[in-house]
Amino acid sequence: MATQFRGPGAELDHGFDWAELGYLEPGETIIESNWALDPGLTRITSSIIVGTKTVVWVSGGVVGQDYVITNSFRTSAGRSDSRSHLLKVRRR
């Protein structure tokens, strides 16, 4: 699971490039993307799909706490999967 650090007041984008990670075949696209956030985080945007990337903007969290955000997706080839980020909220 990828780990990212963020400040408590940050409003940042988080996401995955599924082609870069090797999950997509040439020409395959993301057609559906959903994000699940641990309690304590706030979703600023709905899921965004940009080419082969899925993105969500997130805020919130308490300093010293760790949170998981999970992206579930479906592709034009009918495949689906999910992956998570661990977000560590720390003073920066």
PDB file of N, CA and C in Angstrom:
ATOM      1  N   MET A   1       0.856  -1.180   0.000  1.00  0.00           N
ATOM      2  CA  MET A   1       0.000   0.000   0.000  1.00  0.00           C
ATOM      3  C   MET A   1       0.895   1.234   0.000  1.00  0.00           C
ATOM      4  N   ALA A   2       0.634   2.146  -0.905  1.00  0.00           N
ATOM      5  CA  ALA A   2       1.390   3.391  -0.980  1.00  0.00           C
ATOM      6  C   ALA A   2       1.083   4.256   0.240  1.00  0.00           C
ATOM      7  N   THR A   3       2.080   4.981   0.707  1.00  0.00           N
ATOM      8  CA  THR A   3       1.913   5.877   1.851  1.00  0.00           C
ATOM      9  C   THR A   3       2.185   7.299   1.410  1.00  0.00           C
ATOM     10  N   GLN A   4       1.308   8.211   1.844  1.00  0.00           N
ATOM     11  CA  GLN A   4       1.495   9.627   1.574  1.00  0.00           C
ATOM     12  C   GLN A   4       1.332  10.386   2.882  1.00  0.00           C
ATOM     13  N   PHE A   5       2.073  11.488   3.015  1.00  0.00           N
ATOM     14  CA  PHE A   5       1.965  12.347   4.184  1.00  0.00           C
ATOM     15  C   PHE A   5       1.238  13.618   3.787  1.00  0.00           C
ATOM     16  N   ARG A   6       0.466  14.153   4.728  1.00  0.00           N
ATOM     17  CA  ARG A   6      -0.245  15.404   4.467  1.00  0.00           C
ATOM     18  C   ARG A   6      -0.386  16.179   5.754  1.00  0.00           C
ATOM     19  N   GLY A   7      -0.457  17.492   5.637  1.00  0.00           N
ATOM     20  CA  GLY A   7      -0.706  18.352   6.785  1.00  0.00           C
ATOM     21  C   GLY A   7      -2.180  18.342   7.133  1.00  0.00           C
ATOM     22  N   PRO A   8      -2.527  18.709   8.372  1.00  0.00           N
ATOM     23  CA  PRO A   8      -3.918  18.635   8.801  1.00  0.00           C
ATOM     24  C   PRO A   8      -4.867  19.584   8.071  1.00  0.00           C
ATOM     25  N   GLY A   9      -4.367  20.710   7.574  1.00  0.00           N
ATOM     26  CA  GLY A   9      -5.226  21.660   6.867  1.00  0.00           C
ATOM     27  C   GLY A   9      -5.171  21.538   5.358  1.00  0.00           C
ATOM     28  N   ALA A  10      -4.447  20.553   4.867  1.00  0.00           N
ATOM     29  CA  ALA A  10      -4.245  20.423   3.420  1.00  0.00           C
ATOM     30  C   ALA A  10      -5.507  19.952   2.700  1.00  0.00           C
ATOM     31  N   GLU A  11      -5.704  20.482   1.514  1.00  0.00           N
ATOM     32  CA  GLU A  11      -6.721  20.005   0.580  1.00  0.00           C
ATOM     33  C   GLU A  11      -5.956  19.540  -0.644  1.00  0.00           C
ATOM     34  N   LEU A  12      -5.770  18.213  -0.784  1.00  0.00           N
ATOM     35  CA  LEU A  12      -4.892  17.673  -1.813  1.00  0.00           C
ATOM     36  C   LEU A  12      -5.582  16.618  -2.656  1.00  0.00           C
ATOM     37  N   ASP A  13      -5.041  16.448  -3.865  1.00  0.00           N
ATOM     38  CA  ASP A  13      -5.521  15.386  -4.734  1.00  0.00           C
ATOM     39  C   ASP A  13      -4.714  14.116  -4.460  1.00  0.00           C
ATOM     40  N   HIS A  14      -5.401  13.003  -4.525  1.00  0.00           N
ATOM     41  CA  HIS A  14      -4.792  11.688  -4.345  1.00  0.00           C
ATOM     42  C   HIS A  14      -5.318  10.803  -5.457  1.00  0.00           C
ATOM     43  N   GLY A  15      -4.471   9.929  -5.970  1.00  0.00           N
ATOM     44  CA  GLY A  15      -4.959   9.079  -7.038  1.00  0.00           C
ATOM     45  C   GLY A  15      -3.960   8.058  -7.512  1.00  0.00           C
ATOM     46  N   PHE A  16      -4.342   7.387  -8.583  1.00  0.00           N
ATOM     47  CA  PHE A  16      -3.538   6.347  -9.196  1.00  0.00           C
ATOM     48  C   PHE A  16      -3.517   6.552 -10.703  1.00  0.00           C
ATOM     49  N   ASP A  17      -2.379   6.268 -11.327  1.00  0.00           N
ATOM     50  CA  ASP A  17      -2.292   6.183 -12.778  1.00  0.00           C
ATOM     51  C   ASP A  17      -2.225   4.692 -13.092  1.00  0.00           C
ATOM     52  N   TRP A  18      -3.349   4.133 -13.496  1.00  0.00           N
ATOM     53  CA  TRP A  18      -3.473   2.684 -13.655  1.00  0.00           C
ATOM     54  C   TRP A  18      -2.635   2.148 -14.804  1.00  0.00           C
ATOM     55  N   ALA A  19      -2.417   2.939 -15.860  1.00  0.00           N
ATOM     56  CA  ALA A  19      -1.546   2.499 -16.957  1.00  0.00           C
ATOM     57  C   ALA A  19      -0.101   2.438 -16.477  1.00  0.00           C
ATOM     58  N   GLU A  20       0.327   3.467 -15.744  1.00  0.00           N
ATOM     59  CA  GLU A  20       1.698   3.501 -15.217  1.00  0.00           C
ATOM     60  C   GLU A  20       1.961   2.331 -14.266  1.00  0.00           C
ATOM     61  N   LEU A  21       0.936   1.931 -13.542  1.00  0.00           N
ATOM     62  CA  LEU A  21       1.069   0.802 -12.612  1.00  0.00           C
ATOM     63  C   LEU A  21       0.976  -0.552 -13.311  1.00  0.00           C
ATOM     64  N   GLY A  22       0.678  -0.538 -14.624  1.00  0.00           N
ATOM     65  CA  GLY A  22       0.642  -1.780 -15.393  1.00  0.00           C
ATOM     66  C   GLY A  22      -0.677  -2.529 -15.359  1.00  0.00           C
ATOM     67  N   TYR A  23      -1.762  -1.857 -14.965  1.00  0.00           N
ATOM     68  CA  TYR A  23      -3.058  -2.522 -14.866  1.00  0.00           C
ATOM     69  C   TYR A  23      -3.873  -2.471 -16.149  1.00  0.00           C
ATOM     70  N   LEU A  24      -3.507  -1.605 -17.088  1.00  0.00           N
ATOM     71  CA  LEU A  24      -4.304  -1.433 -18.300  1.00  0.00           C
ATOM     72  C   LEU A  24      -3.548  -1.930 -19.533  1.00  0.00           C
ATOM     73  N   GLU A  25      -4.301  -2.519 -20.432  1.00  0.00           N
ATOM     74  CA  GLU A  25      -3.757  -2.919 -21.732  1.00  0.00           C
ATOM     75  C   GLU A  25      -3.767  -1.686 -22.642  1.00  0.00           C
ATOM     76  N   PRO A  26      -2.966  -1.675 -23.704  1.00  0.00           N
ATOM     77  CA  PRO A  26      -2.987  -0.539 -24.639  1.00  0.00           C
ATOM     78  C   PRO A  26      -4.410  -0.271 -25.139  1.00  0.00           C
ATOM     79  N   GLY A  27      -4.824   0.972 -25.078  1.00  0.00           N
ATOM     80  CA  GLY A  27      -6.149   1.374 -25.532  1.00  0.00           C
ATOM     81  C   GLY A  27      -7.252   1.196 -24.507  1.00  0.00           C
ATOM     82  N   GLU A  28      -6.990   0.491 -23.429  1.00  0.00           N
ATOM     83  CA  GLU A  28      -8.000   0.280 -22.379  1.00  0.00           C
ATOM     84  C   GLU A  28      -8.126   1.560 -21.552  1.00  0.00           C
ATOM     85  N   THR A  29      -9.344   1.884 -21.165  1.00  0.00           N
ATOM     86  CA  THR A  29      -9.592   3.105 -20.398  1.00  0.00           C
ATOM     87  C   THR A  29     -10.349   2.790 -19.115  1.00  0.00           C
ATOM     88  N   ILE A  30     -10.332   3.735 -18.200  1.00  0.00           N
ATOM     89  CA  ILE A  30     -11.125   3.655 -16.973  1.00  0.00           C
ATOM     90  C   ILE A  30     -12.499   4.221 -17.289  1.00  0.00           C
ATOM     91  N   ILE A  31     -13.558   3.461 -16.993  1.00  0.00           N
ATOM     92  CA  ILE A  31     -14.911   3.963 -17.275  1.00  0.00           C
ATOM     93  C   ILE A  31     -15.710   4.232 -15.999  1.00  0.00           C
ATOM     94  N   GLU A  32     -15.232   3.727 -14.872  1.00  0.00           N
ATOM     95  CA  GLU A  32     -15.923   3.969 -13.606  1.00  0.00           C
ATOM     96  C   GLU A  32     -14.890   3.981 -12.487  1.00  0.00           C
ATOM     97  N   SER A  33     -15.048   4.922 -11.554  1.00  0.00           N
ATOM     98  CA  SER A  33     -14.125   5.050 -10.433  1.00  0.00           C
ATOM     99  C   SER A  33     -14.899   5.504  -9.203  1.00  0.00           C
ATOM    100  N   ASN A  34     -14.671   4.817  -8.090  1.00  0.00           N
ATOM    101  CA  ASN A  34     -15.315   5.174  -6.828  1.00  0.00           C
ATOM    102  C   ASN A  34     -14.264   5.170  -5.722  1.00  0.00           C
ATOM    103  N   TRP A  35     -14.397   6.090  -4.783  1.00  0.00           N
ATOM    104  CA  TRP A  35     -13.461   6.214  -3.673  1.00  0.00           C
ATOM    105  C   TRP A  35     -14.173   5.989  -2.351  1.00  0.00           C
ATOM    106  N   ALA A  36     -13.529   5.265  -1.457  1.00  0.00           N
ATOM    107  CA  ALA A  36     -13.996   5.083  -0.084  1.00  0.00           C
ATOM    108  C   ALA A  36     -12.956   5.723   0.828  1.00  0.00           C
ATOM    109  N   LEU A  37     -13.413   6.566   1.754  1.00  0.00           N
ATOM    110  CA  LEU A  37     -12.522   7.267   2.677  1.00  0.00           C
ATOM    111  C   LEU A  37     -12.815   6.841   4.107  1.00  0.00           C
ATOM    112  N   ASP A  38     -11.758   6.667   4.892  1.00  0.00           N
ATOM    113  CA  ASP A  38     -11.947   6.403   6.317  1.00  0.00           C
ATOM    114  C   ASP A  38     -12.667   7.587   6.963  1.00  0.00           C
ATOM    115  N   PRO A  39     -13.459   7.326   8.022  1.00  0.00           N
ATOM    116  CA  PRO A  39     -14.087   8.419   8.767  1.00  0.00           C
ATOM    117  C   PRO A  39     -13.024   9.405   9.261  1.00  0.00           C
ATOM    118  N   GLY A  40     -13.354  10.691   9.211  1.00  0.00           N
ATOM    119  CA  GLY A  40     -12.427  11.739   9.616  1.00  0.00           C
ATOM    120  C   GLY A  40     -11.859  12.492   8.433  1.00  0.00           C
ATOM    121  N   LEU A  41     -11.978  11.912   7.242  1.00  0.00           N
ATOM    122  CA  LEU A  41     -11.566  12.588   6.017  1.00  0.00           C
ATOM    123  C   LEU A  41     -12.800  13.097   5.294  1.00  0.00           C
ATOM    124  N   THR A  42     -12.636  14.162   4.535  1.00  0.00           N
ATOM    125  CA  THR A  42     -13.739  14.753   3.783  1.00  0.00           C
ATOM    126  C   THR A  42     -13.403  14.732   2.302  1.00  0.00           C
ATOM    127  N   ARG A  43     -14.337  14.250   1.505  1.00  0.00           N
ATOM    128  CA  ARG A  43     -14.183  14.259   0.047  1.00  0.00           C
ATOM    129  C   ARG A  43     -14.577  15.648  -0.451  1.00  0.00           C
ATOM    130  N   ILE A  44     -13.664  16.313  -1.163  1.00  0.00           N
ATOM    131  CA  ILE A  44     -13.945  17.637  -1.708  1.00  0.00           C
ATOM    132  C   ILE A  44     -14.581  17.526  -3.086  1.00  0.00           C
ATOM    133  N   THR A  45     -14.144  16.536  -3.870  1.00  0.00           N
ATOM    134  CA  THR A  45     -14.699  16.320  -5.207  1.00  0.00           C
ATOM    135  C   THR A  45     -15.206  14.888  -5.314  1.00  0.00           C
ATOM    136  N   SER A  46     -16.071  14.671  -6.285  1.00  0.00           N
ATOM    137  CA  SER A  46     -16.402  13.290  -6.619  1.00  0.00           C
ATOM    138  C   SER A  46     -15.218  12.722  -7.385  1.00  0.00           C
ATOM    139  N   SER A  47     -15.252  11.469  -7.697  1.00  0.00           N
ATOM    140  CA  SER A  47     -14.144  10.837  -8.401  1.00  0.00           C
ATOM    141  C   SER A  47     -13.937  11.484  -9.764  1.00  0.00           C
ATOM    142  N   ILE A  48     -12.683  11.731 -10.102  1.00  0.00           N
ATOM    143  CA  ILE A  48     -12.316  12.329 -11.378  1.00  0.00           C
ATOM    144  C   ILE A  48     -11.540  11.282 -12.171  1.00  0.00           C
ATOM    145  N   ILE A  49     -11.876  11.134 -13.448  1.00  0.00           N
ATOM    146  CA  ILE A  49     -11.130  10.252 -14.332  1.00  0.00           C
ATOM    147  C   ILE A  49     -10.481  11.128 -15.393  1.00  0.00           C
ATOM    148  N   VAL A  50      -9.147  11.067 -15.472  1.00  0.00           N
ATOM    149  CA  VAL A  50      -8.386  11.834 -16.452  1.00  0.00           C
ATOM    150  C   VAL A  50      -7.500  10.844 -17.192  1.00  0.00           C
ATOM    151  N   GLY A  51      -7.931  10.453 -18.379  1.00  0.00           N
ATOM    152  CA  GLY A  51      -7.167   9.461 -19.135  1.00  0.00           C
ATOM    153  C   GLY A  51      -7.110   8.136 -18.388  1.00  0.00           C
ATOM    154  N   THR A  52      -5.919   7.768 -17.970  1.00  0.00           N
ATOM    155  CA  THR A  52      -5.742   6.499 -17.255  1.00  0.00           C
ATOM    156  C   THR A  52      -5.603   6.712 -15.751  1.00  0.00           C
ATOM    157  N   LYS A  53      -5.871   7.950 -15.301  1.00  0.00           N
ATOM    158  CA  LYS A  53      -5.726   8.285 -13.885  1.00  0.00           C
ATOM    159  C   LYS A  53      -7.084   8.446 -13.216  1.00  0.00           C
ATOM    160  N   THR A  54      -7.156   8.022 -11.961  1.00  0.00           N
ATOM    161  CA  THR A  54      -8.327   8.276 -11.129  1.00  0.00           C
ATOM    162  C   THR A  54      -7.872   9.151  -9.968  1.00  0.00           C
ATOM    163  N   VAL A  55      -8.663  10.184  -9.676  1.00  0.00           N
ATOM    164  CA  VAL A  55      -8.255  11.187  -8.694  1.00  0.00           C
ATOM    165  C   VAL A  55      -9.438  11.560  -7.821  1.00  0.00           C
ATOM    166  N   VAL A  56      -9.145  11.880  -6.548  1.00  0.00           N
ATOM    167  CA  VAL A  56     -10.120  12.451  -5.644  1.00  0.00           C
ATOM    168  C   VAL A  56      -9.403  13.512  -4.808  1.00  0.00           C
ATOM    169  N   TRP A  57     -10.090  14.614  -4.500  1.00  0.00           N
ATOM    170  CA  TRP A  57      -9.532  15.647  -3.629  1.00  0.00           C
ATOM    171  C   TRP A  57     -10.069  15.402  -2.226  1.00  0.00           C
ATOM    172  N   VAL A  58      -9.158  15.459  -1.243  1.00  0.00           N
ATOM    173  CA  VAL A  58      -9.487  15.100   0.140  1.00  0.00           C
ATOM    174  C   VAL A  58      -8.973  16.172   1.102  1.00  0.00           C
ATOM    175  N   SER A  59      -9.727  16.403   2.163  1.00  0.00           N
ATOM    176  CA  SER A  59      -9.275  17.270   3.251  1.00  0.00           C
ATOM    177  C   SER A  59      -9.589  16.579   4.578  1.00  0.00           C
ATOM    178  N   GLY A  60      -9.165  17.220   5.662  1.00  0.00           N
ATOM    179  CA  GLY A  60      -9.484  16.700   6.993  1.00  0.00           C
ATOM    180  C   GLY A  60      -8.410  15.805   7.555  1.00  0.00           C
ATOM    181  N   GLY A  61      -8.770  15.177   8.657  1.00  0.00           N
ATOM    182  CA  GLY A  61      -7.839  14.307   9.351  1.00  0.00           C
ATOM    183  C   GLY A  61      -7.275  14.981  10.591  1.00  0.00           C
ATOM    184  N   VAL A  62      -6.828  14.181  11.526  1.00  0.00           N
ATOM    185  CA  VAL A  62      -6.286  14.641  12.797  1.00  0.00           C
ATOM    186  C   VAL A  62      -4.790  14.337  12.827  1.00  0.00           C
ATOM    187  N   VAL A  63      -4.005  15.312  13.287  1.00  0.00           N
ATOM    188  CA  VAL A  63      -2.556  15.130  13.367  1.00  0.00           C
ATOM    189  C   VAL A  63      -2.233  13.879  14.183  1.00  0.00           C
ATOM    190  N   GLY A  64      -1.338  13.056  13.635  1.00  0.00           N
ATOM    191  CA  GLY A  64      -0.922  11.827  14.307  1.00  0.00           C
ATOM    192  C   GLY A  64      -1.740  10.608  13.921  1.00  0.00           C
ATOM    193  N   GLN A  65      -2.839  10.808  13.196  1.00  0.00           N
ATOM    194  CA  GLN A  65      -3.693   9.694  12.787  1.00  0.00           C
ATOM    195  C   GLN A  65      -3.354   9.251  11.364  1.00  0.00           C
ATOM    196  N   ASP A  66      -3.622   7.997  11.086  1.00  0.00           N
ATOM    197  CA  ASP A  66      -3.451   7.435   9.748  1.00  0.00           C
ATOM    198  C   ASP A  66      -4.813   7.048   9.191  1.00  0.00           C
ATOM    199  N   TYR A  67      -4.999   7.253   7.908  1.00  0.00           N
ATOM    200  CA  TYR A  67      -6.271   6.987   7.251  1.00  0.00           C
ATOM    201  C   TYR A  67      -6.027   6.220   5.961  1.00  0.00           C
ATOM    202  N   VAL A  68      -7.016   5.445   5.563  1.00  0.00           N
ATOM    203  CA  VAL A  68      -6.935   4.714   4.307  1.00  0.00           C
ATOM    204  C   VAL A  68      -7.991   5.271   3.355  1.00  0.00           C
ATOM    205  N   ILE A  69      -7.564   5.512   2.100  1.00  0.00           N
ATOM    206  CA  ILE A  69      -8.508   5.829   1.033  1.00  0.00           C
ATOM    207  C   ILE A  69      -8.349   4.744  -0.027  1.00  0.00           C
ATOM    208  N   THR A  70      -9.475   4.278  -0.539  1.00  0.00           N
ATOM    209  CA  THR A  70      -9.462   3.157  -1.483  1.00  0.00           C
ATOM    210  C   THR A  70     -10.186   3.537  -2.757  1.00  0.00           C
ATOM    211  N   ASN A  71      -9.548   3.253  -3.891  1.00  0.00           N
ATOM    212  CA  ASN A  71     -10.151   3.489  -5.195  1.00  0.00           C
ATOM    213  C   ASN A  71     -10.532   2.156  -5.827  1.00  0.00           C
ATOM    214  N   SER A  72     -11.803   2.031  -6.181  1.00  0.00           N
ATOM    215  CA  SER A  72     -12.294   0.876  -6.940  1.00  0.00           C
ATOM    216  C   SER A  72     -12.615   1.366  -8.339  1.00  0.00           C
ATOM    217  N   PHE A  73     -12.236   0.561  -9.345  1.00  0.00           N
ATOM    218  CA  PHE A  73     -12.440   1.026 -10.715  1.00  0.00           C
ATOM    219  C   PHE A  73     -12.889  -0.116 -11.611  1.00  0.00           C
ATOM    220  N   ARG A  74     -13.451   0.272 -12.777  1.00  0.00           N
ATOM    221  CA  ARG A  74     -13.835  -0.676 -13.817  1.00  0.00           C
ATOM    222  C   ARG A  74     -13.306  -0.131 -15.132  1.00  0.00           C
ATOM    223  N   THR A  75     -12.856  -1.056 -16.004  1.00  0.00           N
ATOM    224  CA  THR A  75     -12.254  -0.629 -17.268  1.00  0.00           C
ATOM    225  C   THR A  75     -13.160  -0.917 -18.460  1.00  0.00           C
ATOM    226  N   SER A  76     -12.770  -0.359 -19.593  1.00  0.00           N
ATOM    227  CA  SER A  76     -13.507  -0.579 -20.834  1.00  0.00           C
ATOM    228  C   SER A  76     -13.458  -2.040 -21.274  1.00  0.00           C
ATOM    229  N   ALA A  77     -12.515  -2.811 -20.751  1.00  0.00           N
ATOM    230  CA  ALA A  77     -12.421  -4.241 -21.063  1.00  0.00           C
ATOM    231  C   ALA A  77     -13.212  -5.089 -20.069  1.00  0.00           C
ATOM    232  N   GLY A  78     -13.935  -4.429 -19.143  1.00  0.00           N
ATOM    233  CA  GLY A  78     -14.773  -5.152 -18.184  1.00  0.00           C
ATOM    234  C   GLY A  78     -14.036  -5.644 -16.949  1.00  0.00           C
ATOM    235  N   ARG A  79     -12.782  -5.255 -16.803  1.00  0.00           N
ATOM    236  CA  ARG A  79     -12.019  -5.670 -15.625  1.00  0.00           C
ATOM    237  C   ARG A  79     -12.245  -4.685 -14.489  1.00  0.00           C
ATOM    238  N   SER A  80     -12.089  -5.155 -13.255  1.00  0.00           N
ATOM    239  CA  SER A  80     -12.226  -4.273 -12.101  1.00  0.00           C
ATOM    240  C   SER A  80     -11.221  -4.673 -11.028  1.00  0.00           C
ATOM    241  N   ASP A  81     -10.871  -3.699 -10.198  1.00  0.00           N
ATOM    242  CA  ASP A  81      -9.925  -3.933  -9.117  1.00  0.00           C
ATOM    243  C   ASP A  81     -10.014  -2.753  -8.157  1.00  0.00           C
ATOM    244  N   SER A  82      -9.241  -2.791  -7.094  1.00  0.00           N
ATOM    245  CA  SER A  82      -9.162  -1.660  -6.172  1.00  0.00           C
ATOM    246  C   SER A  82      -7.781  -1.642  -5.527  1.00  0.00           C
ATOM    247  N   ARG A  83      -7.357  -0.459  -5.148  1.00  0.00           N
ATOM    248  CA  ARG A  83      -6.095  -0.256  -4.444  1.00  0.00           C
ATOM    249  C   ARG A  83      -6.283   0.863  -3.435  1.00  0.00           C
ATOM    250  N   SER A  84      -5.410   0.880  -2.422  1.00  0.00           N
ATOM    251  CA  SER A  84      -5.534   1.852  -1.335  1.00  0.00           C
ATOM    252  C   SER A  84      -4.252   2.661  -1.158  1.00  0.00           C
ATOM    253  N   HIS A  85      -4.437   3.862  -0.611  1.00  0.00           N
ATOM    254  CA  HIS A  85      -3.345   4.714  -0.134  1.00  0.00           C
ATOM    255  C   HIS A  85      -3.481   4.803   1.375  1.00  0.00           C
ATOM    256  N   LEU A  86      -2.367   4.834   2.080  1.00  0.00           N
ATOM    257  CA  LEU A  86      -2.353   5.152   3.503  1.00  0.00           C
ATOM    258  C   LEU A  86      -1.971   6.611   3.615  1.00  0.00           C
ATOM    259  N   LEU A  87      -2.842   7.418   4.219  1.00  0.00           N
ATOM    260  CA  LEU A  87      -2.562   8.840   4.411  1.00  0.00           C
ATOM    261  C   LEU A  87      -2.188   9.071   5.868  1.00  0.00           C
ATOM    262  N   LYS A  88      -1.008   9.579   6.096  1.00  0.00           N
ATOM    263  CA  LYS A  88      -0.521   9.890   7.444  1.00  0.00           C
ATOM    264  C   LYS A  88      -0.613  11.401   7.621  1.00  0.00           C
ATOM    265  N   VAL A  89      -1.429  11.854   8.566  1.00  0.00           N
ATOM    266  CA  VAL A  89      -1.593  13.280   8.808  1.00  0.00           C
ATOM    267  C   VAL A  89      -0.552  13.697   9.853  1.00  0.00           C
ATOM    268  N   ARG A  90       0.333  14.580   9.447  1.00  0.00           N
ATOM    269  CA  ARG A  90       1.422  15.025  10.311  1.00  0.00           C
ATOM    270  C   ARG A  90       1.601  16.530  10.151  1.00  0.00           C
ATOM    271  N   ARG A  91       2.120  17.184  11.193  1.00  0.00           N
ATOM    272  CA  ARG A  91       2.473  18.605  11.066  1.00  0.00           C
ATOM    273  C   ARG A  91       3.681  18.700  10.148  1.00  0.00           C
ATOM    274  N   ARG A  92       3.659  19.658   9.271  1.00  0.00           N
ATOM    275  CA  ARG A  92       4.766  19.783   8.300  1.00  0.00           C
ATOM    276  C   ARG A  92       5.507  21.069   8.518  1.00  0.00           C
TER     277      ARG A  92
END
